[in-house]
Amino acid sequence: MGGVLIRVALNEYSFRTGGTGAESLKKLTRQGERQRFFRSMENKKAYKQLLRFSSIGLEMGFSVAIGVGIGYLLDSYFDTKPWFLLIFFFVGIAAAFRSLFSLMKKFDKDKL
């Protein structure tokens, strides 16, 4: 996890300075300057958005899995094998996309 954040931070720094990640790391020669840069990265909205976007896959997967689970339980209870499973599978997909659109709406609001 730490390596990913360092790469993201270096990419942001290199985007600001116009160089590559390796060149940017060489430019940050002093230890204090590196620490200040990474500390400032943690305080920004970009770090918060990175955490938000990293949860998208889990959120979508759990939405579909919960829908399939509910459909399977209802199918076994009512003995209507594929119908409730299919219905709640699509309900899970709809819930997953709803959460994705909600996240994108928050992202657009934060950008403005």
PDB file of N, CA and C in Angstrom:
ATOM      1  N   MET A   1       0.835  -1.195   0.000  1.00  0.00           N
ATOM      2  CA  MET A   1       0.000   0.000   0.000  1.00  0.00           C
ATOM      3  C   MET A   1       0.869   1.244   0.000  1.00  0.00           C
ATOM      4  N   GLY A   2       1.961   1.238   0.796  1.00  0.00           N
ATOM      5  CA  GLY A   2       2.827   2.404   0.865  1.00  0.00           C
ATOM      6  C   GLY A   2       3.528   2.687  -0.451  1.00  0.00           C
ATOM      7  N   GLY A   3       3.918   1.598  -1.160  1.00  0.00           N
ATOM      8  CA  GLY A   3       4.585   1.776  -2.447  1.00  0.00           C
ATOM      9  C   GLY A   3       3.681   2.404  -3.482  1.00  0.00           C
ATOM     10  N   VAL A   4       2.410   2.039  -3.436  1.00  0.00           N
ATOM     11  CA  VAL A   4       1.446   2.603  -4.377  1.00  0.00           C
ATOM     12  C   VAL A   4       1.267   4.089  -4.111  1.00  0.00           C
ATOM     13  N   LEU A   5       1.153   4.455  -2.835  1.00  0.00           N
ATOM     14  CA  LEU A   5       0.984   5.875  -2.506  1.00  0.00           C
ATOM     15  C   LEU A   5       2.208   6.687  -2.890  1.00  0.00           C
ATOM     16  N   ILE A   6       3.394   6.096  -2.723  1.00  0.00           N
ATOM     17  CA  ILE A   6       4.616   6.803  -3.116  1.00  0.00           C
ATOM     18  C   ILE A   6       4.641   7.016  -4.616  1.00  0.00           C
ATOM     19  N   ARG A   7       4.234   5.972  -5.387  1.00  0.00           N
ATOM     20  CA  ARG A   7       4.213   6.136  -6.843  1.00  0.00           C
ATOM     21  C   ARG A   7       3.202   7.183  -7.271  1.00  0.00           C
ATOM     22  N   VAL A   8       2.018   7.182  -6.639  1.00  0.00           N
ATOM     23  CA  VAL A   8       1.004   8.185  -6.973  1.00  0.00           C
ATOM     24  C   VAL A   8       1.520   9.580  -6.646  1.00  0.00           C
ATOM     25  N   ALA A   9       2.162   9.713  -5.494  1.00  0.00           N
ATOM     26  CA  ALA A   9       2.691  11.014  -5.092  1.00  0.00           C
ATOM     27  C   ALA A   9       3.793  11.462  -6.041  1.00  0.00           C
ATOM     28  N   LEU A  10       4.680  10.546  -6.438  1.00  0.00           N
ATOM     29  CA  LEU A  10       5.747  10.916  -7.372  1.00  0.00           C
ATOM     30  C   LEU A  10       5.172  11.294  -8.727  1.00  0.00           C
ATOM     31  N   ASN A  11       4.128  10.587  -9.172  1.00  0.00           N
ATOM     32  CA  ASN A  11       3.514  10.947 -10.442  1.00  0.00           C
ATOM     33  C   ASN A  11       2.890  12.329 -10.374  1.00  0.00           C
ATOM     34  N   GLU A  12       2.260  12.662  -9.244  1.00  0.00           N
ATOM     35  CA  GLU A  12       1.680  13.996  -9.097  1.00  0.00           C
ATOM     36  C   GLU A  12       2.779  15.053  -9.071  1.00  0.00           C
ATOM     37  N   TYR A  13       3.870  14.757  -8.355  1.00  0.00           N
ATOM     38  CA  TYR A  13       4.967  15.708  -8.294  1.00  0.00           C
ATOM     39  C   TYR A  13       5.602  15.891  -9.670  1.00  0.00           C
ATOM     40  N   SER A  14       5.793  14.767 -10.399  1.00  0.00           N
ATOM     41  CA  SER A  14       6.408  14.880 -11.713  1.00  0.00           C
ATOM     42  C   SER A  14       5.482  15.582 -12.693  1.00  0.00           C
ATOM     43  N   PHE A  15       4.156  15.439 -12.500  1.00  0.00           N
ATOM     44  CA  PHE A  15       3.221  16.164 -13.355  1.00  0.00           C
ATOM     45  C   PHE A  15       3.343  17.666 -13.119  1.00  0.00           C
ATOM     46  N   ARG A  16       3.510  18.048 -11.849  1.00  0.00           N
ATOM     47  CA  ARG A  16       3.656  19.467 -11.531  1.00  0.00           C
ATOM     48  C   ARG A  16       4.955  20.043 -12.078  1.00  0.00           C
ATOM     49  N   THR A  17       6.031  19.255 -12.006  1.00  0.00           N
ATOM     50  CA  THR A  17       7.336  19.773 -12.401  1.00  0.00           C
ATOM     51  C   THR A  17       7.670  19.489 -13.859  1.00  0.00           C
ATOM     52  N   GLY A  18       6.902  18.594 -14.505  1.00  0.00           N
ATOM     53  CA  GLY A  18       7.128  18.322 -15.915  1.00  0.00           C
ATOM     54  C   GLY A  18       8.170  17.253 -16.173  1.00  0.00           C
ATOM     55  N   GLY A  19       8.518  16.420 -15.235  1.00  0.00           N
ATOM     56  CA  GLY A  19       9.505  15.359 -15.434  1.00  0.00           C
ATOM     57  C   GLY A  19       8.888  13.996 -15.215  1.00  0.00           C
ATOM     58  N   THR A  20       9.744  12.964 -15.240  1.00  0.00           N
ATOM     59  CA  THR A  20       9.254  11.619 -14.944  1.00  0.00           C
ATOM     60  C   THR A  20       9.405  11.355 -13.463  1.00  0.00           C
ATOM     61  N   GLY A  21       8.876  10.223 -13.004  1.00  0.00           N
ATOM     62  CA  GLY A  21       8.936   9.891 -11.591  1.00  0.00           C
ATOM     63  C   GLY A  21      10.357   9.735 -11.093  1.00  0.00           C
ATOM     64  N   ALA A  22      11.231   9.081 -11.897  1.00  0.00           N
ATOM     65  CA  ALA A  22      12.620   8.874 -11.479  1.00  0.00           C
ATOM     66  C   ALA A  22      13.370  10.198 -11.424  1.00  0.00           C
ATOM     67  N   GLU A  23      13.141  11.053 -12.409  1.00  0.00           N
ATOM     68  CA  GLU A  23      13.803  12.360 -12.405  1.00  0.00           C
ATOM     69  C   GLU A  23      13.342  13.194 -11.210  1.00  0.00           C
ATOM     70  N   SER A  24      12.056  13.088 -10.900  1.00  0.00           N
ATOM     71  CA  SER A  24      11.525  13.859  -9.781  1.00  0.00           C
ATOM     72  C   SER A  24      12.107  13.395  -8.466  1.00  0.00           C
ATOM     73  N   LEU A  25      12.330  12.073  -8.338  1.00  0.00           N
ATOM     74  CA  LEU A  25      12.920  11.559  -7.109  1.00  0.00           C
ATOM     75  C   LEU A  25      14.354  12.052  -6.964  1.00  0.00           C
ATOM     76  N   LYS A  26      15.074  12.171  -8.073  1.00  0.00           N
ATOM     77  CA  LYS A  26      16.439  12.694  -8.011  1.00  0.00           C
ATOM     78  C   LYS A  26      16.438  14.175  -7.643  1.00  0.00           C
ATOM     79  N   LYS A  27      15.407  14.894  -8.089  1.00  0.00           N
ATOM     80  CA  LYS A  27      15.328  16.312  -7.765  1.00  0.00           C
ATOM     81  C   LYS A  27      15.046  16.525  -6.279  1.00  0.00           C
ATOM     82  N   LEU A  28      14.333  15.583  -5.689  1.00  0.00           N
ATOM     83  CA  LEU A  28      14.033  15.693  -4.265  1.00  0.00           C
ATOM     84  C   LEU A  28      15.198  15.095  -3.472  1.00  0.00           C
ATOM     85  N   THR A  29      16.310  15.768  -3.468  1.00  0.00           N
ATOM     86  CA  THR A  29      17.508  15.191  -2.876  1.00  0.00           C
ATOM     87  C   THR A  29      17.509  15.277  -1.365  1.00  0.00           C
ATOM     88  N   ARG A  30      17.015  16.321  -0.837  1.00  0.00           N
ATOM     89  CA  ARG A  30      17.066  16.470   0.611  1.00  0.00           C
ATOM     90  C   ARG A  30      15.925  15.709   1.271  1.00  0.00           C
ATOM     91  N   GLN A  31      16.204  15.084   2.395  1.00  0.00           N
ATOM     92  CA  GLN A  31      15.208  14.285   3.105  1.00  0.00           C
ATOM     93  C   GLN A  31      14.048  15.145   3.604  1.00  0.00           C
ATOM     94  N   GLY A  32      14.314  16.319   4.078  1.00  0.00           N
ATOM     95  CA  GLY A  32      13.264  17.199   4.574  1.00  0.00           C
ATOM     96  C   GLY A  32      12.292  17.596   3.483  1.00  0.00           C
ATOM     97  N   GLU A  33      12.810  17.812   2.291  1.00  0.00           N
ATOM     98  CA  GLU A  33      11.945  18.179   1.175  1.00  0.00           C
ATOM     99  C   GLU A  33      11.029  17.020   0.802  1.00  0.00           C
ATOM    100  N   ARG A  34      11.548  15.806   0.835  1.00  0.00           N
ATOM    101  CA  ARG A  34      10.722  14.629   0.553  1.00  0.00           C
ATOM    102  C   ARG A  34       9.616  14.495   1.596  1.00  0.00           C
ATOM    103  N   GLN A  35       9.974  14.650   2.852  1.00  0.00           N
ATOM    104  CA  GLN A  35       8.981  14.504   3.907  1.00  0.00           C
ATOM    105  C   GLN A  35       7.900  15.579   3.797  1.00  0.00           C
ATOM    106  N   ARG A  36       8.296  16.797   3.501  1.00  0.00           N
ATOM    107  CA  ARG A  36       7.313  17.865   3.343  1.00  0.00           C
ATOM    108  C   ARG A  36       6.370  17.581   2.190  1.00  0.00           C
ATOM    109  N   PHE A  37       6.932  17.052   1.083  1.00  0.00           N
ATOM    110  CA  PHE A  37       6.094  16.764  -0.079  1.00  0.00           C
ATOM    111  C   PHE A  37       5.071  15.681   0.242  1.00  0.00           C
ATOM    112  N   PHE A  38       5.487  14.575   0.858  1.00  0.00           N
ATOM    113  CA  PHE A  38       4.568  13.492   1.155  1.00  0.00           C
ATOM    114  C   PHE A  38       3.572  13.883   2.238  1.00  0.00           C
ATOM    115  N   ARG A  39       3.982  14.707   3.189  1.00  0.00           N
ATOM    116  CA  ARG A  39       3.068  15.178   4.212  1.00  0.00           C
ATOM    117  C   ARG A  39       1.996  16.072   3.585  1.00  0.00           C
ATOM    118  N   SER A  40       2.393  16.924   2.644  1.00  0.00           N
ATOM    119  CA  SER A  40       1.410  17.783   1.987  1.00  0.00           C
ATOM    120  C   SER A  40       0.475  16.968   1.103  1.00  0.00           C
ATOM    121  N   MET A  41       0.981  15.850   0.567  1.00  0.00           N
ATOM    122  CA  MET A  41       0.146  14.985  -0.253  1.00  0.00           C
ATOM    123  C   MET A  41      -0.962  14.360   0.588  1.00  0.00           C
ATOM    124  N   GLU A  42      -0.669  14.022   1.832  1.00  0.00           N
ATOM    125  CA  GLU A  42      -1.666  13.392   2.692  1.00  0.00           C
ATOM    126  C   GLU A  42      -2.779  14.360   3.059  1.00  0.00           C
ATOM    127  N   ASN A  43      -2.515  15.614   3.062  1.00  0.00           N
ATOM    128  CA  ASN A  43      -3.498  16.593   3.486  1.00  0.00           C
ATOM    129  C   ASN A  43      -4.407  17.063   2.362  1.00  0.00           C
ATOM    130  N   LYS A  44      -4.164  16.615   1.166  1.00  0.00           N
ATOM    131  CA  LYS A  44      -4.904  17.143   0.027  1.00  0.00           C
ATOM    132  C   LYS A  44      -6.123  16.301  -0.302  1.00  0.00           C
ATOM    133  N   LYS A  45      -6.957  16.867  -1.137  1.00  0.00           N
ATOM    134  CA  LYS A  45      -8.153  16.159  -1.575  1.00  0.00           C
ATOM    135  C   LYS A  45      -7.809  14.966  -2.452  1.00  0.00           C
ATOM    136  N   ALA A  46      -6.680  14.999  -3.113  1.00  0.00           N
ATOM    137  CA  ALA A  46      -6.308  13.901  -4.002  1.00  0.00           C
ATOM    138  C   ALA A  46      -6.158  12.600  -3.235  1.00  0.00           C
ATOM    139  N   TYR A  47      -5.614  12.665  -2.054  1.00  0.00           N
ATOM    140  CA  TYR A  47      -5.449  11.469  -1.237  1.00  0.00           C
ATOM    141  C   TYR A  47      -6.809  10.916  -0.824  1.00  0.00           C
ATOM    142  N   LYS A  48      -7.721  11.785  -0.489  1.00  0.00           N
ATOM    143  CA  LYS A  48      -9.067  11.377  -0.102  1.00  0.00           C
ATOM    144  C   LYS A  48      -9.799  10.745  -1.289  1.00  0.00           C
ATOM    145  N   GLN A  49      -9.634  11.330  -2.470  1.00  0.00           N
ATOM    146  CA  GLN A  49     -10.273  10.787  -3.654  1.00  0.00           C
ATOM    147  C   GLN A  49      -9.669   9.444  -4.041  1.00  0.00           C
ATOM    148  N   LEU A  50      -8.390   9.274  -3.819  1.00  0.00           N
ATOM    149  CA  LEU A  50      -7.743   7.995  -4.093  1.00  0.00           C
ATOM    150  C   LEU A  50      -8.364   6.894  -3.238  1.00  0.00           C
ATOM    151  N   LEU A  51      -8.611   7.201  -1.986  1.00  0.00           N
ATOM    152  CA  LEU A  51      -9.249   6.225  -1.107  1.00  0.00           C
ATOM    153  C   LEU A  51     -10.683   5.941  -1.525  1.00  0.00           C
ATOM    154  N   ARG A  52     -11.394   6.974  -1.961  1.00  0.00           N
ATOM    155  CA  ARG A  52     -12.766   6.776  -2.426  1.00  0.00           C
ATOM    156  C   ARG A  52     -12.804   5.872  -3.640  1.00  0.00           C
ATOM    157  N   PHE A  53     -11.927   6.132  -4.600  1.00  0.00           N
ATOM    158  CA  PHE A  53     -11.938   5.353  -5.833  1.00  0.00           C
ATOM    159  C   PHE A  53     -11.424   3.937  -5.633  1.00  0.00           C
ATOM    160  N   SER A  54     -10.614   3.733  -4.612  1.00  0.00           N
ATOM    161  CA  SER A  54     -10.128   2.376  -4.384  1.00  0.00           C
ATOM    162  C   SER A  54     -11.218   1.466  -3.834  1.00  0.00           C
ATOM    163  N   SER A  55     -12.286   2.029  -3.328  1.00  0.00           N
ATOM    164  CA  SER A  55     -13.376   1.217  -2.785  1.00  0.00           C
ATOM    165  C   SER A  55     -14.439   0.875  -3.823  1.00  0.00           C
ATOM    166  N   ILE A  56     -14.309   1.368  -5.033  1.00  0.00           N
ATOM    167  CA  ILE A  56     -15.341   1.138  -6.049  1.00  0.00           C
ATOM    168  C   ILE A  56     -15.499  -0.347  -6.355  1.00  0.00           C
ATOM    169  N   GLY A  57     -14.403  -1.050  -6.548  1.00  0.00           N
ATOM    170  CA  GLY A  57     -14.471  -2.468  -6.899  1.00  0.00           C
ATOM    171  C   GLY A  57     -15.133  -3.293  -5.819  1.00  0.00           C
ATOM    172  N   LEU A  58     -14.765  -3.040  -4.575  1.00  0.00           N
ATOM    173  CA  LEU A  58     -15.393  -3.772  -3.472  1.00  0.00           C
ATOM    174  C   LEU A  58     -16.879  -3.471  -3.380  1.00  0.00           C
ATOM    175  N   GLU A  59     -17.212  -2.210  -3.525  1.00  0.00           N
ATOM    176  CA  GLU A  59     -18.609  -1.805  -3.429  1.00  0.00           C
ATOM    177  C   GLU A  59     -19.452  -2.459  -4.519  1.00  0.00           C
ATOM    178  N   MET A  60     -18.933  -2.474  -5.733  1.00  0.00           N
ATOM    179  CA  MET A  60     -19.683  -3.078  -6.838  1.00  0.00           C
ATOM    180  C   MET A  60     -19.778  -4.589  -6.662  1.00  0.00           C
ATOM    181  N   GLY A  61     -18.699  -5.225  -6.264  1.00  0.00           N
ATOM    182  CA  GLY A  61     -18.713  -6.671  -6.076  1.00  0.00           C
ATOM    183  C   GLY A  61     -19.663  -7.106  -4.974  1.00  0.00           C
ATOM    184  N   PHE A  62     -19.642  -6.392  -3.851  1.00  0.00           N
ATOM    185  CA  PHE A  62     -20.534  -6.739  -2.747  1.00  0.00           C
ATOM    186  C   PHE A  62     -21.992  -6.491  -3.103  1.00  0.00           C
ATOM    187  N   SER A  63     -22.272  -5.463  -3.870  1.00  0.00           N
ATOM    188  CA  SER A  63     -23.660  -5.198  -4.270  1.00  0.00           C
ATOM    189  C   SER A  63     -24.218  -6.357  -5.085  1.00  0.00           C
ATOM    190  N   VAL A  64     -23.440  -6.828  -6.044  1.00  0.00           N
ATOM    191  CA  VAL A  64     -23.891  -7.947  -6.878  1.00  0.00           C
ATOM    192  C   VAL A  64     -23.970  -9.227  -6.052  1.00  0.00           C
ATOM    193  N   ALA A  65     -22.969  -9.460  -5.185  1.00  0.00           N
ATOM    194  CA  ALA A  65     -22.963 -10.685  -4.375  1.00  0.00           C
ATOM    195  C   ALA A  65     -24.147 -10.728  -3.416  1.00  0.00           C
ATOM    196  N   ILE A  66     -24.478  -9.608  -2.809  1.00  0.00           N
ATOM    197  CA  ILE A  66     -25.629  -9.572  -1.903  1.00  0.00           C
ATOM    198  C   ILE A  66     -26.926  -9.809  -2.676  1.00  0.00           C
ATOM    199  N   GLY A  67     -27.042  -9.219  -3.859  1.00  0.00           N
ATOM    200  CA  GLY A  67     -28.225  -9.454  -4.688  1.00  0.00           C
ATOM    201  C   GLY A  67     -28.365 -10.914  -5.081  1.00  0.00           C
ATOM    202  N   VAL A  68     -27.260 -11.548  -5.471  1.00  0.00           N
ATOM    203  CA  VAL A  68     -27.296 -12.963  -5.846  1.00  0.00           C
ATOM    204  C   VAL A  68     -27.630 -13.820  -4.625  1.00  0.00           C
ATOM    205  N   GLY A  69     -27.078 -13.473  -3.469  1.00  0.00           N
ATOM    206  CA  GLY A  69     -27.368 -14.234  -2.250  1.00  0.00           C
ATOM    207  C   GLY A  69     -28.835 -14.174  -1.872  1.00  0.00           C
ATOM    208  N   ILE A  70     -29.415 -12.982  -1.932  1.00  0.00           N
ATOM    209  CA  ILE A  70     -30.837 -12.835  -1.617  1.00  0.00           C
ATOM    210  C   ILE A  70     -31.682 -13.611  -2.631  1.00  0.00           C
ATOM    211  N   GLY A  71     -31.320 -13.513  -3.904  1.00  0.00           N
ATOM    212  CA  GLY A  71     -32.058 -14.252  -4.939  1.00  0.00           C
ATOM    213  C   GLY A  71     -31.963 -15.750  -4.752  1.00  0.00           C
ATOM    214  N   TYR A  72     -30.798 -16.234  -4.379  1.00  0.00           N
ATOM    215  CA  TYR A  72     -30.624 -17.669  -4.147  1.00  0.00           C
ATOM    216  C   TYR A  72     -31.461 -18.150  -2.962  1.00  0.00           C
ATOM    217  N   LEU A  73     -31.453 -17.370  -1.891  1.00  0.00           N
ATOM    218  CA  LEU A  73     -32.245 -17.754  -0.713  1.00  0.00           C
ATOM    219  C   LEU A  73     -33.744 -17.760  -1.030  1.00  0.00           C
ATOM    220  N   LEU A  74     -34.204 -16.748  -1.759  1.00  0.00           N
ATOM    221  CA  LEU A  74     -35.625 -16.713  -2.125  1.00  0.00           C
ATOM    222  C   LEU A  74     -35.987 -17.849  -3.073  1.00  0.00           C
ATOM    223  N   ASP A  75     -35.085 -18.179  -4.004  1.00  0.00           N
ATOM    224  CA  ASP A  75     -35.327 -19.304  -4.909  1.00  0.00           C
ATOM    225  C   ASP A  75     -35.426 -20.616  -4.146  1.00  0.00           C
ATOM    226  N   SER A  76     -34.555 -20.829  -3.165  1.00  0.00           N
ATOM    227  CA  SER A  76     -34.629 -22.082  -2.418  1.00  0.00           C
ATOM    228  C   SER A  76     -35.859 -22.121  -1.518  1.00  0.00           C
ATOM    229  N   TYR A  77     -36.286 -20.974  -1.019  1.00  0.00           N
ATOM    230  CA  TYR A  77     -37.462 -20.945  -0.153  1.00  0.00           C
ATOM    231  C   TYR A  77     -38.747 -21.184  -0.948  1.00  0.00           C
ATOM    232  N   PHE A  78     -38.877 -20.520  -2.096  1.00  0.00           N
ATOM    233  CA  PHE A  78     -40.096 -20.631  -2.895  1.00  0.00           C
ATOM    234  C   PHE A  78     -40.009 -21.704  -3.979  1.00  0.00           C
ATOM    235  N   ASP A  79     -38.855 -22.339  -4.137  1.00  0.00           N
ATOM    236  CA  ASP A  79     -38.616 -23.392  -5.141  1.00  0.00           C
ATOM    237  C   ASP A  79     -38.915 -22.887  -6.572  1.00  0.00           C
ATOM    238  N   THR A  80     -38.388 -21.715  -6.882  1.00  0.00           N
ATOM    239  CA  THR A  80     -38.493 -21.126  -8.226  1.00  0.00           C
ATOM    240  C   THR A  80     -37.078 -20.883  -8.728  1.00  0.00           C
ATOM    241  N   LYS A  81     -36.403 -21.933  -9.114  1.00  0.00           N
ATOM    242  CA  LYS A  81     -34.947 -21.926  -9.250  1.00  0.00           C
ATOM    243  C   LYS A  81     -34.306 -20.703  -9.903  1.00  0.00           C
ATOM    244  N   PRO A  82     -34.401 -20.403 -11.162  1.00  0.00           N
ATOM    245  CA  PRO A  82     -33.534 -19.300 -11.607  1.00  0.00           C
ATOM    246  C   PRO A  82     -34.134 -17.907 -11.485  1.00  0.00           C
ATOM    247  N   TRP A  83     -35.413 -17.772 -11.196  1.00  0.00           N
ATOM    248  CA  TRP A  83     -36.075 -16.480 -11.382  1.00  0.00           C
ATOM    249  C   TRP A  83     -35.652 -15.414 -10.375  1.00  0.00           C
ATOM    250  N   PHE A  84     -35.750 -15.708  -9.103  1.00  0.00           N
ATOM    251  CA  PHE A  84     -35.348 -14.700  -8.113  1.00  0.00           C
ATOM    252  C   PHE A  84     -33.848 -14.420  -8.179  1.00  0.00           C
ATOM    253  N   LEU A  85     -33.077 -15.454  -8.490  1.00  0.00           N
ATOM    254  CA  LEU A  85     -31.635 -15.260  -8.634  1.00  0.00           C
ATOM    255  C   LEU A  85     -31.334 -14.265  -9.751  1.00  0.00           C
ATOM    256  N   LEU A  86     -31.988 -14.445 -10.886  1.00  0.00           N
ATOM    257  CA  LEU A  86     -31.765 -13.525 -12.011  1.00  0.00           C
ATOM    258  C   LEU A  86     -32.265 -12.123 -11.692  1.00  0.00           C
ATOM    259  N   ILE A  87     -33.434 -12.041 -11.075  1.00  0.00           N
ATOM    260  CA  ILE A  87     -33.996 -10.726 -10.756  1.00  0.00           C
ATOM    261  C   ILE A  87     -33.080  -9.966  -9.805  1.00  0.00           C
ATOM    262  N   PHE A  88     -32.658 -10.632  -8.731  1.00  0.00           N
ATOM    263  CA  PHE A  88     -31.817  -9.942  -7.757  1.00  0.00           C
ATOM    264  C   PHE A  88     -30.383  -9.763  -8.240  1.00  0.00           C
ATOM    265  N   PHE A  89     -29.952 -10.563  -9.215  1.00  0.00           N
ATOM    266  CA  PHE A  89     -28.660 -10.322  -9.852  1.00  0.00           C
ATOM    267  C   PHE A  89     -28.673  -8.961 -10.548  1.00  0.00           C
ATOM    268  N   PHE A  90     -29.746  -8.708 -11.287  1.00  0.00           N
ATOM    269  CA  PHE A  90     -29.854  -7.430 -11.982  1.00  0.00           C
ATOM    270  C   PHE A  90     -30.113  -6.276 -11.012  1.00  0.00           C
ATOM    271  N   VAL A  91     -30.818  -6.542  -9.923  1.00  0.00           N
ATOM    272  CA  VAL A  91     -30.996  -5.516  -8.891  1.00  0.00           C
ATOM    273  C   VAL A  91     -29.634  -5.174  -8.270  1.00  0.00           C
ATOM    274  N   GLY A  92     -28.793  -6.182  -8.048  1.00  0.00           N
ATOM    275  CA  GLY A  92     -27.447  -5.948  -7.521  1.00  0.00           C
ATOM    276  C   GLY A  92     -26.595  -5.129  -8.471  1.00  0.00           C
ATOM    277  N   ILE A  93     -26.710  -5.433  -9.761  1.00  0.00           N
ATOM    278  CA  ILE A  93     -25.970  -4.648 -10.758  1.00  0.00           C
ATOM    279  C   ILE A  93     -26.465  -3.206 -10.765  1.00  0.00           C
ATOM    280  N   ALA A  94     -27.769  -3.022 -10.680  1.00  0.00           N
ATOM    281  CA  ALA A  94     -28.331  -1.662 -10.638  1.00  0.00           C
ATOM    282  C   ALA A  94     -27.841  -0.916  -9.400  1.00  0.00           C
ATOM    283  N   ALA A  95     -27.791  -1.606  -8.256  1.00  0.00           N
ATOM    284  CA  ALA A  95     -27.306  -0.965  -7.031  1.00  0.00           C
ATOM    285  C   ALA A  95     -25.823  -0.611  -7.156  1.00  0.00           C
ATOM    286  N   ALA A  96     -25.066  -1.465  -7.817  1.00  0.00           N
ATOM    287  CA  ALA A  96     -23.640  -1.189  -8.010  1.00  0.00           C
ATOM    288  C   ALA A  96     -23.439   0.054  -8.874  1.00  0.00           C
ATOM    289  N   PHE A  97     -24.178   0.157  -9.967  1.00  0.00           N
ATOM    290  CA  PHE A  97     -24.038   1.332 -10.827  1.00  0.00           C
ATOM    291  C   PHE A  97     -24.585   2.589 -10.156  1.00  0.00           C
ATOM    292  N   ARG A  98     -25.602   2.425  -9.328  1.00  0.00           N
ATOM    293  CA  ARG A  98     -26.122   3.578  -8.584  1.00  0.00           C
ATOM    294  C   ARG A  98     -25.055   4.132  -7.653  1.00  0.00           C
ATOM    295  N   SER A  99     -24.343   3.247  -6.962  1.00  0.00           N
ATOM    296  CA  SER A  99     -23.279   3.716  -6.075  1.00  0.00           C
ATOM    297  C   SER A  99     -22.133   4.330  -6.868  1.00  0.00           C
ATOM    298  N   LEU A 100     -21.853   3.781  -8.052  1.00  0.00           N
ATOM    299  CA  LEU A 100     -20.808   4.357  -8.903  1.00  0.00           C
ATOM    300  C   LEU A 100     -21.198   5.761  -9.353  1.00  0.00           C
ATOM    301  N   PHE A 101     -22.440   5.943  -9.796  1.00  0.00           N
ATOM    302  CA  PHE A 101     -22.888   7.268 -10.228  1.00  0.00           C
ATOM    303  C   PHE A 101     -22.918   8.248  -9.061  1.00  0.00           C
ATOM    304  N   SER A 102     -23.285   7.764  -7.879  1.00  0.00           N
ATOM    305  CA  SER A 102     -23.277   8.620  -6.697  1.00  0.00           C
ATOM    306  C   SER A 102     -21.856   9.096  -6.386  1.00  0.00           C
ATOM    307  N   LEU A 103     -20.893   8.183  -6.500  1.00  0.00           N
ATOM    308  CA  LEU A 103     -19.493   8.547  -6.263  1.00  0.00           C
ATOM    309  C   LEU A 103     -19.001   9.549  -7.301  1.00  0.00           C
ATOM    310  N   MET A 104     -19.367   9.349  -8.553  1.00  0.00           N
ATOM    311  CA  MET A 104     -18.950  10.275  -9.604  1.00  0.00           C
ATOM    312  C   MET A 104     -19.595  11.646  -9.414  1.00  0.00           C
ATOM    313  N   LYS A 105     -20.831  11.663  -8.918  1.00  0.00           N
ATOM    314  CA  LYS A 105     -21.498  12.929  -8.648  1.00  0.00           C
ATOM    315  C   LYS A 105     -20.752  13.700  -7.548  1.00  0.00           C
ATOM    316  N   LYS A 106     -20.353  12.985  -6.492  1.00  0.00           N
ATOM    317  CA  LYS A 106     -19.574  13.625  -5.429  1.00  0.00           C
ATOM    318  C   LYS A 106     -18.241  14.120  -5.957  1.00  0.00           C
ATOM    319  N   PHE A 107     -17.610  13.344  -6.829  1.00  0.00           N
ATOM    320  CA  PHE A 107     -16.327  13.728  -7.411  1.00  0.00           C
ATOM    321  C   PHE A 107     -16.473  14.995  -8.241  1.00  0.00           C
ATOM    322  N   ASP A 108     -17.515  15.071  -9.052  1.00  0.00           N
ATOM    323  CA  ASP A 108     -17.728  16.271  -9.867  1.00  0.00           C
ATOM    324  C   ASP A 108     -18.024  17.485  -8.992  1.00  0.00           C
ATOM    325  N   LYS A 109     -18.762  17.287  -7.920  1.00  0.00           N
ATOM    326  CA  LYS A 109     -19.073  18.397  -7.006  1.00  0.00           C
ATOM    327  C   LYS A 109     -17.820  18.894  -6.310  1.00  0.00           C
ATOM    328  N   ASP A 110     -16.928  17.969  -5.941  1.00  0.00           N
ATOM    329  CA  ASP A 110     -15.670  18.355  -5.309  1.00  0.00           C
ATOM    330  C   ASP A 110     -14.730  19.058  -6.276  1.00  0.00           C
ATOM    331  N   LYS A 111     -14.800  18.703  -7.545  1.00  0.00           N
ATOM    332  CA  LYS A 111     -13.927  19.310  -8.556  1.00  0.00           C
ATOM    333  C   LYS A 111     -14.279  20.771  -8.784  1.00  0.00           C
ATOM    334  N   LEU A 112     -15.571  21.098  -8.718  1.00  0.00           N
ATOM    335  CA  LEU A 112     -16.002  22.473  -9.002  1.00  0.00           C
ATOM    336  C   LEU A 112     -15.790  23.348  -7.837  1.00  0.00           C
TER     337      LEU A 112
END
